[in-house]
Structures are given as C-alpha cells and as structure tokens.
C-alpha atoms as a PDB file:
ATOM      1  CA  MET A   1     120.537 194.486  91.361  1.00  0.00           C
ATOM      2  CA  GLY A   2     118.233 194.339  87.906  1.00  0.00           C
ATOM      3  CA  SER A   3     117.226 191.234  85.999  1.00  0.00           C
ATOM      4  CA  TYR A   4     119.621 189.978  83.743  1.00  0.00           C
ATOM      5  CA  SER A   5     120.531 186.241  81.645  1.00  0.00           C
ATOM      6  CA  TYR A   6     123.513 185.029  80.695  1.00  0.00           C
ATOM      7  CA  THR A   7     125.210 182.181  79.275  1.00  0.00           C
ATOM      8  CA  SER A   8     128.599 180.421  80.212  1.00  0.00           C
ATOM      9  CA  VAL A   9     130.861 177.626  79.240  1.00  0.00           C
ATOM     10  CA  GLN A  10     133.168 176.132  81.370  1.00  0.00           C
ATOM     11  CA  VAL A  11     136.080 173.749  80.015  1.00  0.00           C
ATOM     12  CA  GLU A  12     138.012 171.452  82.327  1.00  0.00           C
ATOM     13  CA  PRO A  13     141.721 170.767  81.555  1.00  0.00           C
ATOM     14  CA  ASP A  14     140.660 167.281  80.470  1.00  0.00           C
ATOM     15  CA  GLY A  15     138.139 168.831  78.147  1.00  0.00           C
ATOM     16  CA  THR A  16     134.908 168.206  79.519  1.00  0.00           C
ATOM     17  CA  ALA A  17     132.740 171.548  79.454  1.00  0.00           C
ATOM     18  CA  LEU A  18     129.676 173.010  81.540  1.00  0.00           C
ATOM     19  CA  THR A  19     127.388 175.179  79.554  1.00  0.00           C
ATOM     20  CA  SER A  20     125.009 176.739  82.045  1.00  0.00           C
ATOM     21  CA  VAL A  21     122.349 179.486  81.397  1.00  0.00           C
ATOM     22  CA  ILE A  22     121.132 181.770  84.036  1.00  0.00           C
ATOM     23  CA  MET A  23     118.173 183.833  84.232  1.00  0.00           C
ATOM     24  CA  TYR A  24     116.901 186.418  86.547  1.00  0.00           C
ATOM     25  CA  PRO A  25     113.921 187.672  84.587  1.00  0.00           C
ATOM     26  CA  ASP A  26     111.590 190.212  84.842  1.00  0.00           C
ATOM     27  CA  GLU A  27     108.379 191.040  83.101  1.00  0.00           C
ATOM     28  CA  ARG A  28     110.327 190.791  79.512  1.00  0.00           C
ATOM     29  CA  VAL A  29     110.642 187.003  79.885  1.00  0.00           C
ATOM     30  CA  SER A  30     108.816 185.035  76.992  1.00  0.00           C
ATOM     31  CA  VAL A  31     107.864 181.558  77.970  1.00  0.00           C
ATOM     32  CA  LEU A  32     105.979 179.911  74.885  1.00  0.00           C
ATOM     33  CA  VAL A  33     104.383 176.366  75.010  1.00  0.00           C
ATOM     34  CA  PRO A  34     102.926 175.697  71.612  1.00  0.00           C
ATOM     35  CA  ARG A  35      99.657 173.480  71.782  1.00  0.00           C
ATOM     36  CA  GLY A  36      97.798 171.454  69.264  1.00  0.00           C
ATOM     37  CA  LYS A  37     101.171 171.445  66.830  1.00  0.00           C
ATOM     38  CA  ASN A  38     102.922 167.968  66.154  1.00  0.00           C
ATOM     39  CA  ARG A  39     105.467 168.194  69.053  1.00  0.00           C
ATOM     40  CA  ALA A  40     105.504 168.951  72.886  1.00  0.00           C
ATOM     41  CA  GLN A  41     107.744 171.706  74.003  1.00  0.00           C
ATOM     42  CA  ILE A  42     108.361 174.874  76.688  1.00  0.00           C
ATOM     43  CA  SER A  43     110.996 177.675  75.592  1.00  0.00           C
ATOM     44  CA  VAL A  44     112.150 180.104  78.321  1.00  0.00           C
ATOM     45  CA  THR A  45     113.687 183.277  76.722  1.00  0.00           C
ATOM     46  CA  HIS A  46     115.142 186.885  78.391  1.00  0.00           C
ATOM     47  CA  CYS A  47     117.750 188.865  77.555  1.00  0.00           C
ATOM     48  CA  ARG A  48     119.037 186.646  74.428  1.00  0.00           C
ATOM     49  CA  ALA A  49     119.506 183.526  76.921  1.00  0.00           C
ATOM     50  CA  HIS A  50     117.347 181.164  75.500  1.00  0.00           C
ATOM     51  CA  VAL A  51     116.524 177.683  76.919  1.00  0.00           C
ATOM     52  CA  LEU A  52     114.270 175.006  74.958  1.00  0.00           C
ATOM     53  CA  ILE A  53     112.904 171.789  76.416  1.00  0.00           C
ATOM     54  CA  ALA A  54     111.689 169.022  74.551  1.00  0.00           C
ATOM     55  CA  PRO A  55     110.817 165.449  74.598  1.00  0.00           C
ATOM     56  CA  THR A  56     113.790 162.938  73.201  1.00  0.00           C
ATOM     57  CA  ARG A  57     111.308 162.202  70.434  1.00  0.00           C
ATOM     58  CA  ALA A  58     109.189 165.299  70.338  1.00  0.00           C
ATOM     59  CA  THR A  59     106.844 164.168  68.168  1.00  0.00           C
ATOM     60  CA  ALA A  60     106.265 160.177  69.726  1.00  0.00           C
ATOM     61  CA  PRO A  61     106.685 161.343  73.650  1.00  0.00           C
ATOM     62  CA  THR A  62     108.015 157.886  75.733  1.00  0.00           C
ATOM     63  CA  ALA A  63     106.573 157.451  79.286  1.00  0.00           C
ATOM     64  CA  GLU A  64     110.057 158.475  80.547  1.00  0.00           C
ATOM     65  CA  ASP A  65     109.469 162.055  78.868  1.00  0.00           C
ATOM     66  CA  VAL A  66     106.091 161.985  80.547  1.00  0.00           C
ATOM     67  CA  GLN A  67     108.046 161.299  83.908  1.00  0.00           C
ATOM     68  CA  VAL A  68     110.619 164.238  83.583  1.00  0.00           C
ATOM     69  CA  ALA A  69     107.316 166.610  81.990  1.00  0.00           C
ATOM     70  CA  ARG A  70     105.786 165.740  85.381  1.00  0.00           C
ATOM     71  CA  LYS A  71     108.820 166.407  87.686  1.00  0.00           C
ATOM     72  CA  LEU A  72     109.777 169.718  85.619  1.00  0.00           C
ATOM     73  CA  ALA A  73     105.587 170.715  86.552  1.00  0.00           C
ATOM     74  CA  GLU A  74     106.204 169.753  90.111  1.00  0.00           C
ATOM     75  CA  SER A  75     109.661 171.498  90.410  1.00  0.00           C
ATOM     76  CA  PHE A  76     107.867 174.829  88.618  1.00  0.00           C
ATOM     77  CA  ALA A  77     105.011 174.644  91.254  1.00  0.00           C
ATOM     78  CA  ALA A  78     107.665 174.390  94.201  1.00  0.00           C
ATOM     79  CA  TYR A  79     109.518 177.393  92.602  1.00  0.00           C
ATOM     80  CA  ALA A  80     106.460 179.438  92.289  1.00  0.00           C
ATOM     81  CA  ALA A  81     105.416 178.372  95.966  1.00  0.00           C
ATOM     82  CA  GLU A  82     108.768 179.211  97.186  1.00  0.00           C
ATOM     83  CA  VAL A  83     108.993 182.531  95.560  1.00  0.00           C
ATOM     84  CA  GLU A  84     105.466 183.725  96.786  1.00  0.00           C
ATOM     85  CA  ARG A  85     106.519 182.676 100.486  1.00  0.00           C
ATOM     86  CA  LEU A  86     109.589 184.705 100.401  1.00  0.00           C
ATOM     87  CA  HIS A  87     108.021 187.536  98.667  1.00  0.00           C
ATOM     88  CA  SER A  88     105.382 187.370 101.640  1.00  0.00           C
ATOM     89  CA  LEU A  89     108.608 187.342 104.117  1.00  0.00           C
ATOM     90  CA  ASN A  90     109.778 190.208 102.551  1.00  0.00           C
ATOM     91  CA  GLY A  91     106.767 192.005 102.183  1.00  0.00           C
ATOM     92  CA  VAL A  92     105.867 191.834 105.868  1.00  0.00           C
ATOM     93  CA  ALA A  93     109.605 192.734 107.001  1.00  0.00           C
ATOM     94  CA  ALA A  94     109.446 195.728 104.454  1.00  0.00           C
ATOM     95  CA  GLU A  95     106.128 197.161 106.156  1.00  0.00           C
ATOM     96  CA  SER A  96     107.353 196.336 109.587  1.00  0.00           C
ATOM     97  CA  ALA A  97     110.807 198.514 108.649  1.00  0.00           C
ATOM     98  CA  GLU A  98     108.743 201.494 107.461  1.00  0.00           C
ATOM     99  CA  ASP A  99     106.380 201.579 110.297  1.00  0.00           C
ATOM    100  CA  PRO A 100     107.952 201.160 113.572  1.00  0.00           C
ATOM    101  CA  ALA A 101     104.772 200.518 115.276  1.00  0.00           C
ATOM    102  CA  ALA A 102     104.046 197.166 113.489  1.00  0.00           C
END
C-alpha cells in the first residue's frame, strides 16, 4: 500500500462530531516550522491533508503551551525511535528471507 492521507468527519446521532486527519506520508510530506516570526507553529501537509499546531495564544504562549510543545516533541521523538526500531527489525527479517544461509 502506498502513501496517502485523508480527513474524515464522523457525526454521531446526538450531533457530536469527530474529525480525524490520517497521514501515511512519503517524501512529499511538508513540515514547516517558521522561526524568528512573531508566533510559534508547526504545519504538516501531505496529499491535501493539512494539520497546523500552534499555542493557544500564538504570540504569547503560556507555561501550559510550553508543556504541550515539550510533550509533542517527546512524542515525535518516541515515534521516530519506534519507526527506526521497526525498520531495523524488518530490514533484518527481509535480509534473512532473501539469504537462506543467514
């Protein structure tokens, strides 16, 4: 299965809605973090799906905004480590399958 992204909106009978943006990106993913501007934000775009994350007070972040940003950084670092771990496991498995002597 190739890369793709999509957005879905699920509306429950009581009227509540859940909006989801799902991304399975490839090299076409765009991640922008403008620096030195008057606001902090990160923008992720892939296949017409777009996610923007910014502090609640974009030009004057609160202590809670700092905590949220740190949590996001930790979560993305953990995601990168997990992708690398799985890639390593799959790389070893793929090499072993190709070479019966391995």
